[in-house]
Amino acid sequence: MKFLIDVQLPRTLGNFLNQKGHEARHVLELPSGERTPDVEIWKVATQHDEIIVSKDSDFFYRSQVLGPPPPVIHLVFGNCTNKRLMEYLELHWHSIEVALQVPVRLIVVGKDSMKIWI
C-alpha cells in the first residue's frame, strides 16, 4: 500500500509505514510542501493511488462528500506526543491493514476505537 502523510503529522510516521512494508511519503515532499492545499493533496493521492493519513477533519468531511478514491485514515488522538501517536498506531495497525484490504472510504482511528466507512 502507498500512503501520503498530511503536513501536521510527523515525518517519522513514514518510517513506521515503511517498516510495515508500505510506501509512504510526506506532504512536505510535494512541490508546494506545507503550503499544498487540501484539494491538491486529494488530487495527488488519487493520481498516485495513495491513502491519505491525516489529523485534519477537512479530509474526514471531504471523504464523506466525495467518497473514494482516495481512502482516508483520520487520526483522532487529540494532542499527544509523536511517541504516543506511534503507540496508538501500533495498537491499531493490524486492524487498519485488514480494513484496507477491501475498498474503504474512511477509517477513523481513536485512542481506543476504530470506525470504518465503506
C-alpha atoms as a PDB file:
ATOM      1  CA  MET A   1       0.000   0.000   0.000  1.00  0.00           C
ATOM      2  CA  LYS A   2       1.024   3.591  -0.563  1.00  0.00           C
ATOM      3  CA  PHE A   3       0.385   6.409   1.873  1.00  0.00           C
ATOM      4  CA  LEU A   4       0.502  10.201   1.711  1.00  0.00           C
ATOM      5  CA  ILE A   5       1.053  11.698   5.172  1.00  0.00           C
ATOM      6  CA  ASP A   6      -0.502  15.088   5.833  1.00  0.00           C
ATOM      7  CA  VAL A   7       1.609  18.028   6.966  1.00  0.00           C
ATOM      8  CA  GLN A   8       0.565  18.110  10.635  1.00  0.00           C
ATOM      9  CA  LEU A   9       1.796  14.547  11.214  1.00  0.00           C
ATOM     10  CA  PRO A  10       5.455  13.722  11.853  1.00  0.00           C
ATOM     11  CA  ARG A  11       7.722  12.507   9.092  1.00  0.00           C
ATOM     12  CA  THR A  12       8.627   9.581  11.354  1.00  0.00           C
ATOM     13  CA  LEU A  13       5.204   8.165  10.530  1.00  0.00           C
ATOM     14  CA  GLY A  14       6.673   7.426   7.109  1.00  0.00           C
ATOM     15  CA  ASN A  15       9.396   5.328   8.733  1.00  0.00           C
ATOM     16  CA  PHE A  16       6.738   3.433  10.693  1.00  0.00           C
ATOM     17  CA  LEU A  17       4.816   2.674   7.487  1.00  0.00           C
ATOM     18  CA  ASN A  18       7.994   1.686   5.625  1.00  0.00           C
ATOM     19  CA  GLN A  19       8.865  -0.741   8.425  1.00  0.00           C
ATOM     20  CA  LYS A  20       5.412  -2.282   7.964  1.00  0.00           C
ATOM     21  CA  GLY A  21       6.291  -2.919   4.309  1.00  0.00           C
ATOM     22  CA  HIS A  22       4.463   0.017   2.735  1.00  0.00           C
ATOM     23  CA  GLU A  23       5.468   3.026   0.675  1.00  0.00           C
ATOM     24  CA  ALA A  24       4.988   6.395   2.327  1.00  0.00           C
ATOM     25  CA  ARG A  25       5.731   9.988   1.573  1.00  0.00           C
ATOM     26  CA  HIS A  26       5.033  13.177   3.439  1.00  0.00           C
ATOM     27  CA  VAL A  27       3.203  16.226   2.082  1.00  0.00           C
ATOM     28  CA  LEU A  28       6.425  18.170   2.732  1.00  0.00           C
ATOM     29  CA  GLU A  29       7.914  16.184  -0.182  1.00  0.00           C
ATOM     30  CA  LEU A  30       5.360  17.619  -2.637  1.00  0.00           C
ATOM     31  CA  PRO A  31       6.431  20.629  -4.737  1.00  0.00           C
ATOM     32  CA  SER A  32       4.412  23.110  -2.623  1.00  0.00           C
ATOM     33  CA  GLY A  33       5.366  21.409   0.645  1.00  0.00           C
ATOM     34  CA  GLU A  34       3.473  22.643   3.695  1.00  0.00           C
ATOM     35  CA  ARG A  35       1.574  25.110   1.514  1.00  0.00           C
ATOM     36  CA  THR A  36      -0.087  22.354  -0.506  1.00  0.00           C
ATOM     37  CA  PRO A  37      -3.843  22.927  -0.299  1.00  0.00           C
ATOM     38  CA  ASP A  38      -6.108  20.041   0.737  1.00  0.00           C
ATOM     39  CA  VAL A  39      -7.689  19.884  -2.718  1.00  0.00           C
ATOM     40  CA  GLU A  40      -4.225  19.319  -4.243  1.00  0.00           C
ATOM     41  CA  ILE A  41      -3.343  16.650  -1.644  1.00  0.00           C
ATOM     42  CA  TRP A  42      -6.600  14.883  -2.547  1.00  0.00           C
ATOM     43  CA  LYS A  43      -5.797  15.111  -6.253  1.00  0.00           C
ATOM     44  CA  VAL A  44      -2.205  13.851  -5.837  1.00  0.00           C
ATOM     45  CA  ALA A  45      -3.299  10.938  -3.637  1.00  0.00           C
ATOM     46  CA  THR A  46      -5.942   9.960  -6.185  1.00  0.00           C
ATOM     47  CA  GLN A  47      -3.495  10.152  -9.098  1.00  0.00           C
ATOM     48  CA  HIS A  48      -0.878   8.054  -7.282  1.00  0.00           C
ATOM     49  CA  ASP A  49      -3.264   5.556  -5.674  1.00  0.00           C
ATOM     50  CA  GLU A  50      -2.249   6.693  -2.180  1.00  0.00           C
ATOM     51  CA  ILE A  51      -4.121   6.565   1.109  1.00  0.00           C
ATOM     52  CA  ILE A  52      -4.217   9.912   2.911  1.00  0.00           C
ATOM     53  CA  VAL A  53      -3.250   9.815   6.600  1.00  0.00           C
ATOM     54  CA  SER A  54      -4.317  12.955   8.438  1.00  0.00           C
ATOM     55  CA  LYS A  55      -5.486  14.522  11.686  1.00  0.00           C
ATOM     56  CA  ASP A  56      -7.265  17.202   9.656  1.00  0.00           C
ATOM     57  CA  SER A  57     -11.060  16.951   9.908  1.00  0.00           C
ATOM     58  CA  ASP A  58     -11.306  18.521   6.433  1.00  0.00           C
ATOM     59  CA  PHE A  59     -10.300  15.170   4.946  1.00  0.00           C
ATOM     60  CA  PHE A  60     -12.928  13.432   7.081  1.00  0.00           C
ATOM     61  CA  TYR A  61     -15.625  15.703   5.618  1.00  0.00           C
ATOM     62  CA  ARG A  62     -14.203  15.570   2.100  1.00  0.00           C
ATOM     63  CA  SER A  63     -14.319  11.755   2.162  1.00  0.00           C
ATOM     64  CA  GLN A  64     -17.947  11.877   3.354  1.00  0.00           C
ATOM     65  CA  VAL A  65     -18.940  14.114   0.445  1.00  0.00           C
ATOM     66  CA  LEU A  66     -16.707  12.841  -2.356  1.00  0.00           C
ATOM     67  CA  GLY A  67     -16.032   9.253  -1.296  1.00  0.00           C
ATOM     68  CA  PRO A  68     -13.018   7.312  -2.519  1.00  0.00           C
ATOM     69  CA  PRO A  69     -10.621   7.418  -4.102  1.00  0.00           C
ATOM     70  CA  PRO A  70      -8.534   8.197  -2.198  1.00  0.00           C
ATOM     71  CA  PRO A  71      -9.204   6.383   1.054  1.00  0.00           C
ATOM     72  CA  VAL A  72      -8.537   8.435   4.198  1.00  0.00           C
ATOM     73  CA  ILE A  73      -7.208   7.387   7.586  1.00  0.00           C
ATOM     74  CA  HIS A  74      -8.331  10.086  10.003  1.00  0.00           C
ATOM     75  CA  LEU A  75      -6.402  10.029  13.287  1.00  0.00           C
ATOM     76  CA  VAL A  76      -8.334  11.450  16.241  1.00  0.00           C
ATOM     77  CA  PHE A  77      -5.882  11.021  19.099  1.00  0.00           C
ATOM     78  CA  GLY A  78      -6.038  14.650  20.168  1.00  0.00           C
ATOM     79  CA  ASN A  79      -2.864  16.360  21.286  1.00  0.00           C
ATOM     80  CA  CYS A  80      -0.222  13.775  22.045  1.00  0.00           C
ATOM     81  CA  THR A  81       3.486  13.255  21.636  1.00  0.00           C
ATOM     82  CA  ASN A  82       4.833  11.647  18.490  1.00  0.00           C
ATOM     83  CA  LYS A  83       5.844   8.658  20.612  1.00  0.00           C
ATOM     84  CA  ARG A  84       2.273   8.261  21.885  1.00  0.00           C
ATOM     85  CA  LEU A  85       0.914   8.668  18.337  1.00  0.00           C
ATOM     86  CA  MET A  86       3.101   5.779  17.177  1.00  0.00           C
ATOM     87  CA  GLU A  87       1.990   3.672  20.144  1.00  0.00           C
ATOM     88  CA  TYR A  88      -1.666   4.225  19.239  1.00  0.00           C
ATOM     89  CA  LEU A  89      -0.986   3.365  15.604  1.00  0.00           C
ATOM     90  CA  GLU A  90       0.909   0.239  16.562  1.00  0.00           C
ATOM     91  CA  LEU A  91      -2.037  -0.811  18.703  1.00  0.00           C
ATOM     92  CA  HIS A  92      -4.481  -0.492  15.779  1.00  0.00           C
ATOM     93  CA  TRP A  93      -2.227  -1.210  12.802  1.00  0.00           C
ATOM     94  CA  HIS A  94      -3.220  -4.812  12.136  1.00  0.00           C
ATOM     95  CA  SER A  95      -6.912  -3.852  12.091  1.00  0.00           C
ATOM     96  CA  ILE A  96      -6.182  -0.907   9.788  1.00  0.00           C
ATOM     97  CA  GLU A  97      -4.335  -3.156   7.330  1.00  0.00           C
ATOM     98  CA  VAL A  98      -7.185  -5.674   7.351  1.00  0.00           C
ATOM     99  CA  ALA A  99      -9.736  -2.909   6.742  1.00  0.00           C
ATOM    100  CA  LEU A 100      -7.723  -1.605   3.790  1.00  0.00           C
ATOM    101  CA  GLN A 101      -7.925  -4.982   2.023  1.00  0.00           C
ATOM    102  CA  VAL A 102     -11.381  -4.015   0.726  1.00  0.00           C
ATOM    103  CA  PRO A 103     -12.444  -0.742  -0.892  1.00  0.00           C
ATOM    104  CA  VAL A 104     -12.882   1.622   2.002  1.00  0.00           C
ATOM    105  CA  ARG A 105     -13.759   5.308   2.074  1.00  0.00           C
ATOM    106  CA  LEU A 106     -12.651   6.286   5.538  1.00  0.00           C
ATOM    107  CA  ILE A 107     -11.081   4.821   8.664  1.00  0.00           C
ATOM    108  CA  VAL A 108     -11.304   6.897  11.826  1.00  0.00           C
ATOM    109  CA  VAL A 109      -8.809   5.785  14.450  1.00  0.00           C
ATOM    110  CA  GLY A 110      -9.045   6.958  18.060  1.00  0.00           C
ATOM    111  CA  LYS A 111      -7.115   6.034  21.175  1.00  0.00           C
ATOM    112  CA  ASP A 112      -9.364   3.086  21.980  1.00  0.00           C
ATOM    113  CA  SER A 113     -11.521   2.715  18.903  1.00  0.00           C
ATOM    114  CA  MET A 114     -11.677   2.439  15.153  1.00  0.00           C
ATOM    115  CA  LYS A 115     -14.604   3.038  12.801  1.00  0.00           C
ATOM    116  CA  ILE A 116     -14.735   2.125   9.107  1.00  0.00           C
ATOM    117  CA  TRP A 117     -16.862   3.632   6.315  1.00  0.00           C
ATOM    118  CA  ILE A 118     -17.131   1.594   3.145  1.00  0.00           C
END
